[in-house]
Amino acid sequence: RLARASAHAADDGRAGERAAAHFLARFAPPSGTAVSAYWAMGEEMDARPLMAALHARFMRVALPAIRARGQPLVFRLWQPGDALVPGALGIGEPRAEAPAVEPACLVVPLLAFDREGFRLGQGGGYYDRTLAALRAKGRVLAIGLAYAAQEMAAVPHGATDEPLDGIVTEREAIEATR
């Protein structure tokens, strides 16, 4: 948390834009693809520049919504200007009437990551459950969005931790090595 807090405090307001450029150069899916992102909380990297870039490239952008504790996330379509409502944990999410989609690509927030693709999240397991459920149905790309300072040599992980396929930071795009 300290590394993320320090990186966030030092952010010149352009880290999200630089990370978005790295994402588009390395991981951009084709137009029309449903891509989920997140509405940043606290010191998470701002995903709005990436969301705007995806929307401008005719991708369907979605944000996560919590149905119930212990359940996978649901993703609802979002576009610039849409109002968000407080969700189950007080996190902004699209209104319940926004259409639900199954994303082919998830952009995931995190506290820390390693180059094998493992991440530390907030501890609720929502993304791990969601990725496991989506991967059971087929291929889904999971990309972490983080400050470079959040990198660790090795992130502790267990059997239920779903690895990422890559990570983008303000400095680079990283393909997971596992």
N, C-alpha and C. Protein backbone atom coordinates (compact mmCIF):
# COMPACT_ATOMS: atom_id res chain seq x y z
N ARG A 1 0.82 -1.20 0.00
CA ARG A 1 0.00 0.00 0.00
C ARG A 1 0.86 1.26 0.00
N LEU A 2 1.98 1.20 0.71
CA LEU A 2 2.85 2.36 0.80
C LEU A 2 3.44 2.72 -0.56
N ALA A 3 3.86 1.70 -1.33
CA ALA A 3 4.42 1.97 -2.66
C ALA A 3 3.38 2.62 -3.56
N ARG A 4 2.14 2.11 -3.50
CA ARG A 4 1.08 2.69 -4.32
C ARG A 4 0.77 4.10 -3.86
N ALA A 5 0.72 4.34 -2.56
CA ALA A 5 0.44 5.67 -2.04
C ALA A 5 1.51 6.66 -2.48
N SER A 6 2.77 6.26 -2.42
CA SER A 6 3.88 7.14 -2.84
C SER A 6 3.80 7.44 -4.33
N ALA A 7 3.54 6.40 -5.13
CA ALA A 7 3.44 6.60 -6.58
C ALA A 7 2.26 7.49 -6.93
N HIS A 8 1.15 7.28 -6.24
CA HIS A 8 -0.04 8.09 -6.49
C HIS A 8 0.24 9.56 -6.14
N ALA A 9 0.91 9.79 -5.02
CA ALA A 9 1.23 11.15 -4.60
C ALA A 9 2.16 11.84 -5.59
N ALA A 10 3.05 11.07 -6.21
CA ALA A 10 4.01 11.63 -7.16
C ALA A 10 3.44 11.72 -8.59
N ASP A 11 2.25 11.16 -8.80
CA ASP A 11 1.66 11.14 -10.14
C ASP A 11 1.44 12.57 -10.64
N ASP A 12 1.93 12.84 -11.83
CA ASP A 12 1.78 14.16 -12.44
C ASP A 12 0.42 14.33 -13.12
N GLY A 13 -0.46 13.36 -12.91
CA GLY A 13 -1.77 13.41 -13.56
C GLY A 13 -1.77 12.75 -14.92
N ARG A 14 -0.63 12.26 -15.35
CA ARG A 14 -0.52 11.67 -16.69
C ARG A 14 -0.18 10.19 -16.65
N ALA A 15 0.00 9.61 -15.48
CA ALA A 15 0.36 8.20 -15.39
C ALA A 15 -0.69 7.32 -16.06
N GLY A 16 -1.96 7.62 -15.84
CA GLY A 16 -3.03 6.85 -16.46
C GLY A 16 -2.99 6.94 -17.97
N GLU A 17 -2.65 8.11 -18.50
CA GLU A 17 -2.54 8.28 -19.96
C GLU A 17 -1.39 7.46 -20.51
N ARG A 18 -0.26 7.47 -19.82
CA ARG A 18 0.90 6.70 -20.28
C ARG A 18 0.60 5.20 -20.21
N ALA A 19 -0.04 4.77 -19.14
CA ALA A 19 -0.41 3.35 -19.02
C ALA A 19 -1.40 2.96 -20.12
N ALA A 20 -2.34 3.84 -20.43
CA ALA A 20 -3.31 3.57 -21.50
C ALA A 20 -2.59 3.37 -22.83
N ALA A 21 -1.60 4.21 -23.11
CA ALA A 21 -0.84 4.07 -24.36
C ALA A 21 -0.11 2.73 -24.41
N HIS A 22 0.46 2.31 -23.29
CA HIS A 22 1.14 1.00 -23.24
C HIS A 22 0.14 -0.14 -23.44
N PHE A 23 -1.03 -0.02 -22.83
CA PHE A 23 -2.06 -1.05 -23.00
C PHE A 23 -2.44 -1.17 -24.47
N LEU A 24 -2.72 -0.04 -25.11
CA LEU A 24 -3.16 -0.06 -26.50
C LEU A 24 -2.09 -0.59 -27.43
N ALA A 25 -0.83 -0.30 -27.13
CA ALA A 25 0.27 -0.78 -27.98
C ALA A 25 0.48 -2.29 -27.84
N ARG A 26 0.19 -2.86 -26.68
CA ARG A 26 0.54 -4.26 -26.43
C ARG A 26 -0.66 -5.20 -26.34
N PHE A 27 -1.76 -4.74 -25.77
CA PHE A 27 -2.86 -5.65 -25.45
C PHE A 27 -4.21 -5.29 -26.07
N ALA A 28 -4.28 -4.26 -26.89
CA ALA A 28 -5.59 -3.79 -27.37
C ALA A 28 -6.35 -4.87 -28.12
N PRO A 29 -7.57 -5.16 -27.68
CA PRO A 29 -8.40 -6.10 -28.42
C PRO A 29 -9.05 -5.40 -29.61
N PRO A 30 -9.67 -6.17 -30.50
CA PRO A 30 -10.30 -5.55 -31.67
C PRO A 30 -11.54 -4.71 -31.30
N SER A 31 -11.90 -3.81 -32.19
CA SER A 31 -13.11 -3.00 -32.00
C SER A 31 -14.31 -3.91 -31.75
N GLY A 32 -15.22 -3.44 -30.93
CA GLY A 32 -16.41 -4.20 -30.61
C GLY A 32 -16.26 -5.12 -29.41
N THR A 33 -15.04 -5.35 -28.98
CA THR A 33 -14.78 -6.22 -27.84
C THR A 33 -15.30 -5.58 -26.55
N ALA A 34 -15.87 -6.39 -25.68
CA ALA A 34 -16.26 -5.90 -24.36
C ALA A 34 -15.04 -5.96 -23.45
N VAL A 35 -14.68 -4.80 -22.90
CA VAL A 35 -13.52 -4.68 -22.01
C VAL A 35 -14.00 -4.06 -20.70
N SER A 36 -13.71 -4.73 -19.59
CA SER A 36 -14.06 -4.14 -18.30
C SER A 36 -12.86 -3.38 -17.76
N ALA A 37 -13.15 -2.31 -17.08
CA ALA A 37 -12.11 -1.54 -16.38
C ALA A 37 -12.62 -1.36 -14.96
N TYR A 38 -12.24 -0.30 -14.30
CA TYR A 38 -12.71 -0.05 -12.94
C TYR A 38 -12.69 1.45 -12.69
N TRP A 39 -13.50 1.88 -11.77
CA TRP A 39 -13.51 3.28 -11.34
C TRP A 39 -12.59 3.36 -10.14
N ALA A 40 -11.47 4.06 -10.28
CA ALA A 40 -10.43 4.07 -9.25
C ALA A 40 -10.94 4.57 -7.90
N MET A 41 -10.47 3.88 -6.88
CA MET A 41 -10.75 4.27 -5.49
C MET A 41 -9.44 4.65 -4.84
N GLY A 42 -9.46 5.69 -4.05
CA GLY A 42 -8.28 6.06 -3.28
C GLY A 42 -7.06 6.26 -4.15
N GLU A 43 -6.05 5.44 -3.92
CA GLU A 43 -4.76 5.61 -4.59
C GLU A 43 -4.56 4.67 -5.77
N GLU A 44 -5.62 4.01 -6.24
CA GLU A 44 -5.50 3.17 -7.43
C GLU A 44 -5.19 4.06 -8.63
N MET A 45 -4.48 3.48 -9.61
CA MET A 45 -4.21 4.25 -10.83
C MET A 45 -5.53 4.56 -11.53
N ASP A 46 -5.64 5.78 -12.01
CA ASP A 46 -6.84 6.25 -12.69
C ASP A 46 -7.00 5.50 -14.01
N ALA A 47 -8.08 4.75 -14.15
CA ALA A 47 -8.34 3.99 -15.38
C ALA A 47 -9.15 4.79 -16.39
N ARG A 48 -9.60 5.99 -16.04
CA ARG A 48 -10.44 6.76 -16.96
C ARG A 48 -9.77 7.08 -18.29
N PRO A 49 -8.46 7.41 -18.34
CA PRO A 49 -7.86 7.63 -19.66
C PRO A 49 -7.92 6.38 -20.54
N LEU A 50 -7.72 5.21 -19.96
CA LEU A 50 -7.83 3.97 -20.73
C LEU A 50 -9.27 3.74 -21.16
N MET A 51 -10.21 3.96 -20.26
CA MET A 51 -11.62 3.77 -20.61
C MET A 51 -12.03 4.68 -21.76
N ALA A 52 -11.60 5.93 -21.73
CA ALA A 52 -11.92 6.86 -22.81
C ALA A 52 -11.28 6.41 -24.13
N ALA A 53 -10.03 5.94 -24.06
CA ALA A 53 -9.35 5.47 -25.27
C ALA A 53 -10.03 4.23 -25.84
N LEU A 54 -10.45 3.32 -24.99
CA LEU A 54 -11.15 2.12 -25.46
C LEU A 54 -12.47 2.50 -26.10
N HIS A 55 -13.20 3.39 -25.47
CA HIS A 55 -14.49 3.84 -26.01
C HIS A 55 -14.28 4.52 -27.37
N ALA A 56 -13.24 5.33 -27.49
CA ALA A 56 -12.96 6.02 -28.76
C ALA A 56 -12.59 5.04 -29.87
N ARG A 57 -12.12 3.85 -29.50
CA ARG A 57 -11.76 2.82 -30.48
C ARG A 57 -12.90 1.81 -30.67
N PHE A 58 -14.09 2.21 -30.30
CA PHE A 58 -15.32 1.45 -30.52
C PHE A 58 -15.35 0.12 -29.78
N MET A 59 -14.75 0.09 -28.61
CA MET A 59 -14.88 -1.08 -27.76
C MET A 59 -16.01 -0.82 -26.77
N ARG A 60 -16.63 -1.88 -26.33
CA ARG A 60 -17.70 -1.77 -25.35
C ARG A 60 -17.05 -1.79 -23.96
N VAL A 61 -17.14 -0.68 -23.26
CA VAL A 61 -16.50 -0.55 -21.95
C VAL A 61 -17.52 -0.87 -20.86
N ALA A 62 -17.08 -1.68 -19.91
CA ALA A 62 -17.95 -2.07 -18.80
C ALA A 62 -17.22 -1.81 -17.49
N LEU A 63 -18.00 -1.67 -16.44
CA LEU A 63 -17.47 -1.53 -15.09
C LEU A 63 -18.07 -2.63 -14.22
N PRO A 64 -17.31 -3.06 -13.21
CA PRO A 64 -17.82 -4.14 -12.35
C PRO A 64 -18.89 -3.66 -11.38
N ALA A 65 -19.75 -4.60 -11.03
CA ALA A 65 -20.76 -4.37 -10.00
C ALA A 65 -20.77 -5.62 -9.11
N ILE A 66 -20.90 -5.39 -7.83
CA ILE A 66 -20.94 -6.50 -6.88
C ILE A 66 -22.39 -6.91 -6.69
N ARG A 67 -22.66 -8.19 -6.99
CA ARG A 67 -24.02 -8.72 -6.78
C ARG A 67 -24.24 -9.05 -5.32
N ALA A 68 -23.28 -9.80 -4.77
CA ALA A 68 -23.36 -10.21 -3.36
C ALA A 68 -21.97 -10.61 -2.91
N ARG A 69 -21.71 -10.49 -1.62
CA ARG A 69 -20.42 -10.91 -1.08
C ARG A 69 -20.19 -12.38 -1.42
N GLY A 70 -18.95 -12.70 -1.80
CA GLY A 70 -18.61 -14.08 -2.11
C GLY A 70 -19.00 -14.54 -3.50
N GLN A 71 -19.59 -13.66 -4.30
CA GLN A 71 -20.01 -14.01 -5.66
C GLN A 71 -19.11 -13.34 -6.68
N PRO A 72 -19.04 -13.91 -7.91
CA PRO A 72 -18.29 -13.22 -8.97
C PRO A 72 -18.94 -11.86 -9.29
N LEU A 73 -18.16 -11.00 -9.86
CA LEU A 73 -18.65 -9.69 -10.28
C LEU A 73 -19.55 -9.83 -11.51
N VAL A 74 -20.41 -8.86 -11.70
CA VAL A 74 -21.15 -8.72 -12.94
C VAL A 74 -20.62 -7.43 -13.57
N PHE A 75 -20.65 -7.35 -14.90
CA PHE A 75 -20.11 -6.17 -15.59
C PHE A 75 -21.23 -5.50 -16.38
N ARG A 76 -21.36 -4.19 -16.18
CA ARG A 76 -22.40 -3.41 -16.84
C ARG A 76 -21.76 -2.36 -17.75
N LEU A 77 -22.37 -2.20 -18.93
CA LEU A 77 -21.83 -1.25 -19.90
C LEU A 77 -21.81 0.16 -19.33
N TRP A 78 -20.78 0.88 -19.72
CA TRP A 78 -20.57 2.26 -19.29
C TRP A 78 -20.04 3.04 -20.48
N GLN A 79 -20.41 4.30 -20.57
CA GLN A 79 -19.79 5.20 -21.54
C GLN A 79 -19.56 6.55 -20.89
N PRO A 80 -18.61 7.32 -21.43
CA PRO A 80 -18.31 8.61 -20.82
C PRO A 80 -19.58 9.43 -20.59
N GLY A 81 -19.68 10.00 -19.40
CA GLY A 81 -20.83 10.81 -19.04
C GLY A 81 -21.89 10.06 -18.26
N ASP A 82 -21.84 8.72 -18.27
CA ASP A 82 -22.82 7.94 -17.50
C ASP A 82 -22.62 8.18 -16.00
N ALA A 83 -23.72 8.35 -15.30
CA ALA A 83 -23.66 8.51 -13.84
C ALA A 83 -23.40 7.15 -13.19
N LEU A 84 -22.68 7.17 -12.10
CA LEU A 84 -22.45 5.96 -11.32
C LEU A 84 -23.24 6.06 -10.02
N VAL A 85 -23.59 4.91 -9.48
CA VAL A 85 -24.30 4.86 -8.20
C VAL A 85 -23.44 4.07 -7.22
N PRO A 86 -23.54 4.35 -5.92
CA PRO A 86 -22.76 3.58 -4.95
C PRO A 86 -23.22 2.13 -4.94
N GLY A 87 -22.26 1.22 -5.04
CA GLY A 87 -22.57 -0.20 -5.01
C GLY A 87 -22.53 -0.76 -3.60
N ALA A 88 -22.50 -2.08 -3.51
CA ALA A 88 -22.56 -2.79 -2.23
C ALA A 88 -21.48 -2.35 -1.25
N LEU A 89 -20.29 -2.06 -1.74
CA LEU A 89 -19.19 -1.65 -0.85
C LEU A 89 -18.90 -0.16 -0.95
N GLY A 90 -19.86 0.60 -1.50
CA GLY A 90 -19.68 2.03 -1.65
C GLY A 90 -18.88 2.43 -2.87
N ILE A 91 -18.55 1.45 -3.71
CA ILE A 91 -17.77 1.70 -4.93
C ILE A 91 -18.74 2.11 -6.03
N GLY A 92 -18.40 3.15 -6.80
CA GLY A 92 -19.24 3.58 -7.90
C GLY A 92 -19.36 2.51 -8.96
N GLU A 93 -20.59 2.27 -9.41
CA GLU A 93 -20.83 1.29 -10.48
C GLU A 93 -22.00 1.77 -11.33
N PRO A 94 -22.12 1.24 -12.55
CA PRO A 94 -23.25 1.65 -13.40
C PRO A 94 -24.59 1.28 -12.75
N ARG A 95 -25.61 1.98 -13.17
CA ARG A 95 -26.96 1.71 -12.66
C ARG A 95 -27.37 0.27 -13.01
N ALA A 96 -28.24 -0.30 -12.21
CA ALA A 96 -28.68 -1.69 -12.39
C ALA A 96 -29.32 -1.93 -13.75
N GLU A 97 -29.91 -0.90 -14.35
CA GLU A 97 -30.55 -1.09 -15.66
C GLU A 97 -29.56 -1.06 -16.83
N ALA A 98 -28.31 -0.71 -16.58
CA ALA A 98 -27.30 -0.75 -17.65
C ALA A 98 -27.12 -2.21 -18.08
N PRO A 99 -27.02 -2.46 -19.38
CA PRO A 99 -26.90 -3.85 -19.85
C PRO A 99 -25.65 -4.54 -19.29
N ALA A 100 -25.83 -5.79 -18.91
CA ALA A 100 -24.71 -6.61 -18.44
C ALA A 100 -24.02 -7.26 -19.63
N VAL A 101 -22.70 -7.38 -19.56
CA VAL A 101 -21.92 -8.04 -20.62
C VAL A 101 -20.88 -8.95 -19.97
N GLU A 102 -20.41 -9.92 -20.76
CA GLU A 102 -19.28 -10.74 -20.32
C GLU A 102 -18.05 -10.22 -21.06
N PRO A 103 -17.13 -9.61 -20.35
CA PRO A 103 -15.95 -9.05 -21.03
C PRO A 103 -15.00 -10.13 -21.52
N ALA A 104 -14.35 -9.84 -22.64
CA ALA A 104 -13.29 -10.71 -23.16
C ALA A 104 -11.95 -10.28 -22.58
N CYS A 105 -11.91 -9.07 -22.02
CA CYS A 105 -10.69 -8.53 -21.42
C CYS A 105 -11.08 -7.78 -20.15
N LEU A 106 -10.35 -8.06 -19.07
CA LEU A 106 -10.57 -7.37 -17.80
C LEU A 106 -9.33 -6.57 -17.45
N VAL A 107 -9.51 -5.30 -17.14
CA VAL A 107 -8.44 -4.45 -16.62
C VAL A 107 -8.68 -4.38 -15.11
N VAL A 108 -7.69 -4.84 -14.35
CA VAL A 108 -7.86 -5.13 -12.94
C VAL A 108 -7.00 -4.22 -12.06
N PRO A 109 -7.58 -3.65 -10.99
CA PRO A 109 -6.77 -2.88 -10.04
C PRO A 109 -6.01 -3.82 -9.12
N LEU A 110 -4.99 -3.30 -8.45
CA LEU A 110 -4.21 -4.16 -7.55
C LEU A 110 -3.40 -3.34 -6.58
N LEU A 111 -2.92 -4.01 -5.54
CA LEU A 111 -2.02 -3.39 -4.57
C LEU A 111 -0.56 -3.62 -4.95
N ALA A 112 -0.27 -4.83 -5.46
CA ALA A 112 1.09 -5.20 -5.85
C ALA A 112 1.02 -6.28 -6.91
N PHE A 113 2.11 -6.41 -7.69
CA PHE A 113 2.16 -7.43 -8.74
C PHE A 113 3.58 -7.93 -8.89
N ASP A 114 3.72 -9.10 -9.53
CA ASP A 114 5.04 -9.58 -9.94
C ASP A 114 4.99 -9.92 -11.42
N ARG A 115 6.14 -10.20 -12.00
CA ARG A 115 6.21 -10.44 -13.44
C ARG A 115 5.69 -11.80 -13.87
N GLU A 116 5.38 -12.66 -12.92
CA GLU A 116 4.71 -13.92 -13.25
C GLU A 116 3.21 -13.69 -13.47
N GLY A 117 2.71 -12.53 -13.08
CA GLY A 117 1.30 -12.23 -13.25
C GLY A 117 0.47 -12.36 -11.99
N PHE A 118 1.12 -12.62 -10.88
CA PHE A 118 0.36 -12.70 -9.63
C PHE A 118 0.18 -11.30 -9.05
N ARG A 119 -0.94 -11.12 -8.36
CA ARG A 119 -1.30 -9.80 -7.82
C ARG A 119 -1.81 -9.93 -6.41
N LEU A 120 -1.66 -8.86 -5.68
CA LEU A 120 -2.35 -8.70 -4.40
C LEU A 120 -3.49 -7.74 -4.66
N GLY A 121 -4.69 -8.15 -4.29
CA GLY A 121 -5.85 -7.29 -4.43
C GLY A 121 -6.23 -6.72 -3.07
N GLN A 122 -7.47 -6.34 -2.95
CA GLN A 122 -7.95 -5.77 -1.69
C GLN A 122 -8.35 -6.84 -0.68
N GLY A 123 -8.29 -8.10 -1.07
CA GLY A 123 -8.56 -9.18 -0.13
C GLY A 123 -9.96 -9.76 -0.17
N GLY A 124 -10.82 -9.25 -1.03
CA GLY A 124 -12.19 -9.78 -1.10
C GLY A 124 -12.34 -10.99 -2.00
N GLY A 125 -11.37 -11.22 -2.89
CA GLY A 125 -11.43 -12.36 -3.79
C GLY A 125 -12.38 -12.20 -4.96
N TYR A 126 -12.96 -11.01 -5.15
CA TYR A 126 -13.94 -10.82 -6.22
C TYR A 126 -13.35 -11.08 -7.60
N TYR A 127 -12.17 -10.52 -7.88
CA TYR A 127 -11.58 -10.73 -9.20
C TYR A 127 -11.12 -12.16 -9.39
N ASP A 128 -10.61 -12.81 -8.35
CA ASP A 128 -10.20 -14.21 -8.48
C ASP A 128 -11.40 -15.09 -8.81
N ARG A 129 -12.51 -14.93 -8.11
CA ARG A 129 -13.72 -15.71 -8.40
C ARG A 129 -14.24 -15.41 -9.80
N THR A 130 -14.22 -14.14 -10.16
CA THR A 130 -14.72 -13.74 -11.47
C THR A 130 -13.86 -14.30 -12.59
N LEU A 131 -12.54 -14.17 -12.47
CA LEU A 131 -11.65 -14.72 -13.50
C LEU A 131 -11.79 -16.23 -13.60
N ALA A 132 -11.89 -16.92 -12.49
CA ALA A 132 -12.06 -18.37 -12.52
C ALA A 132 -13.34 -18.74 -13.27
N ALA A 133 -14.44 -18.04 -12.98
CA ALA A 133 -15.71 -18.32 -13.65
C ALA A 133 -15.64 -18.02 -15.15
N LEU A 134 -15.05 -16.89 -15.52
CA LEU A 134 -14.94 -16.54 -16.94
C LEU A 134 -14.00 -17.49 -17.67
N ARG A 135 -12.89 -17.84 -17.05
CA ARG A 135 -11.93 -18.75 -17.69
C ARG A 135 -12.50 -20.15 -17.85
N ALA A 136 -13.41 -20.55 -16.98
CA ALA A 136 -14.06 -21.85 -17.12
C ALA A 136 -14.92 -21.90 -18.38
N LYS A 137 -15.36 -20.75 -18.86
CA LYS A 137 -16.18 -20.65 -20.07
C LYS A 137 -15.35 -20.47 -21.34
N GLY A 138 -14.09 -20.08 -21.20
CA GLY A 138 -13.25 -19.83 -22.38
C GLY A 138 -12.17 -18.82 -22.08
N ARG A 139 -11.52 -18.36 -23.13
CA ARG A 139 -10.38 -17.44 -23.02
C ARG A 139 -10.84 -16.05 -22.60
N VAL A 140 -10.17 -15.50 -21.62
CA VAL A 140 -10.38 -14.11 -21.21
C VAL A 140 -9.00 -13.54 -20.86
N LEU A 141 -8.75 -12.34 -21.30
CA LEU A 141 -7.47 -11.67 -21.05
C LEU A 141 -7.61 -10.82 -19.79
N ALA A 142 -6.70 -10.99 -18.84
CA ALA A 142 -6.73 -10.21 -17.59
C ALA A 142 -5.44 -9.41 -17.49
N ILE A 143 -5.58 -8.09 -17.45
CA ILE A 143 -4.44 -7.18 -17.42
C ILE A 143 -4.54 -6.29 -16.18
N GLY A 144 -3.49 -6.28 -15.37
CA GLY A 144 -3.44 -5.41 -14.21
C GLY A 144 -3.03 -4.00 -14.61
N LEU A 145 -3.57 -3.01 -13.93
CA LEU A 145 -3.21 -1.61 -14.16
C LEU A 145 -2.63 -1.09 -12.85
N ALA A 146 -1.37 -0.64 -12.91
CA ALA A 146 -0.68 -0.29 -11.66
C ALA A 146 0.42 0.72 -11.92
N TYR A 147 0.89 1.31 -10.85
CA TYR A 147 2.11 2.11 -10.91
C TYR A 147 3.29 1.15 -10.91
N ALA A 148 4.36 1.52 -11.60
CA ALA A 148 5.57 0.68 -11.64
C ALA A 148 6.10 0.40 -10.24
N ALA A 149 5.95 1.33 -9.33
CA ALA A 149 6.44 1.17 -7.95
C ALA A 149 5.72 0.06 -7.19
N GLN A 150 4.62 -0.45 -7.72
CA GLN A 150 3.87 -1.51 -7.05
C GLN A 150 4.44 -2.90 -7.35
N GLU A 151 5.47 -2.97 -8.17
CA GLU A 151 6.06 -4.28 -8.52
C GLU A 151 6.82 -4.86 -7.33
N MET A 152 6.64 -6.16 -7.13
CA MET A 152 7.38 -6.93 -6.12
C MET A 152 8.16 -8.03 -6.85
N ALA A 153 9.22 -8.53 -6.23
CA ALA A 153 9.97 -9.64 -6.82
C ALA A 153 9.09 -10.87 -6.95
N ALA A 154 8.31 -11.16 -5.92
CA ALA A 154 7.40 -12.31 -5.94
C ALA A 154 6.21 -12.01 -5.03
N VAL A 155 5.02 -12.19 -5.56
CA VAL A 155 3.80 -11.98 -4.78
C VAL A 155 3.38 -13.33 -4.21
N PRO A 156 3.14 -13.41 -2.91
CA PRO A 156 2.64 -14.67 -2.35
C PRO A 156 1.28 -15.00 -2.97
N HIS A 157 1.07 -16.28 -3.29
CA HIS A 157 -0.20 -16.65 -3.91
C HIS A 157 -0.59 -18.07 -3.51
N GLY A 158 -1.87 -18.34 -3.61
CA GLY A 158 -2.40 -19.65 -3.26
C GLY A 158 -3.17 -20.26 -4.41
N ALA A 159 -3.79 -21.39 -4.14
CA ALA A 159 -4.47 -22.16 -5.18
C ALA A 159 -5.65 -21.42 -5.81
N THR A 160 -6.29 -20.52 -5.08
CA THR A 160 -7.46 -19.82 -5.63
C THR A 160 -7.11 -18.47 -6.25
N ASP A 161 -5.83 -18.10 -6.23
CA ASP A 161 -5.41 -16.82 -6.83
C ASP A 161 -5.27 -16.98 -8.34
N GLU A 162 -6.03 -16.21 -9.08
CA GLU A 162 -5.99 -16.26 -10.54
C GLU A 162 -4.93 -15.28 -11.05
N PRO A 163 -3.96 -15.78 -11.81
CA PRO A 163 -2.91 -14.89 -12.32
C PRO A 163 -3.40 -14.00 -13.46
N LEU A 164 -2.70 -12.91 -13.63
CA LEU A 164 -2.95 -11.99 -14.74
C LEU A 164 -2.17 -12.45 -15.96
N ASP A 165 -2.61 -12.03 -17.14
CA ASP A 165 -1.88 -12.30 -18.37
C ASP A 165 -0.82 -11.24 -18.63
N GLY A 166 -1.01 -10.08 -18.01
CA GLY A 166 -0.05 -9.00 -18.17
C GLY A 166 -0.37 -7.87 -17.21
N ILE A 167 0.51 -6.90 -17.21
CA ILE A 167 0.35 -5.71 -16.36
C ILE A 167 0.79 -4.51 -17.19
N VAL A 168 0.08 -3.40 -17.06
CA VAL A 168 0.55 -2.16 -17.67
C VAL A 168 0.76 -1.14 -16.57
N THR A 169 1.85 -0.41 -16.71
CA THR A 169 2.19 0.66 -15.78
C THR A 169 2.43 1.92 -16.60
N GLU A 170 2.75 3.00 -15.91
CA GLU A 170 3.08 4.24 -16.62
C GLU A 170 4.39 4.11 -17.38
N ARG A 171 5.18 3.06 -17.10
CA ARG A 171 6.48 2.90 -17.75
C ARG A 171 6.50 1.86 -18.86
N GLU A 172 5.65 0.81 -18.75
CA GLU A 172 5.75 -0.30 -19.71
C GLU A 172 4.53 -1.20 -19.68
N ALA A 173 4.48 -2.07 -20.69
CA ALA A 173 3.52 -3.17 -20.72
C ALA A 173 4.32 -4.44 -20.48
N ILE A 174 3.84 -5.27 -19.58
CA ILE A 174 4.55 -6.48 -19.17
C ILE A 174 3.69 -7.69 -19.49
N GLU A 175 4.23 -8.63 -20.23
CA GLU A 175 3.54 -9.90 -20.45
C GLU A 175 3.96 -10.84 -19.33
N ALA A 176 2.99 -11.47 -18.68
CA ALA A 176 3.30 -12.37 -17.56
C ALA A 176 4.19 -13.51 -18.03
N THR A 177 5.13 -13.91 -17.17
CA THR A 177 6.13 -14.92 -17.54
C THR A 177 5.75 -16.33 -17.13
N ARG A 178 4.70 -16.52 -16.36
CA ARG A 178 4.39 -17.87 -15.89
C ARG A 178 3.95 -18.77 -17.02
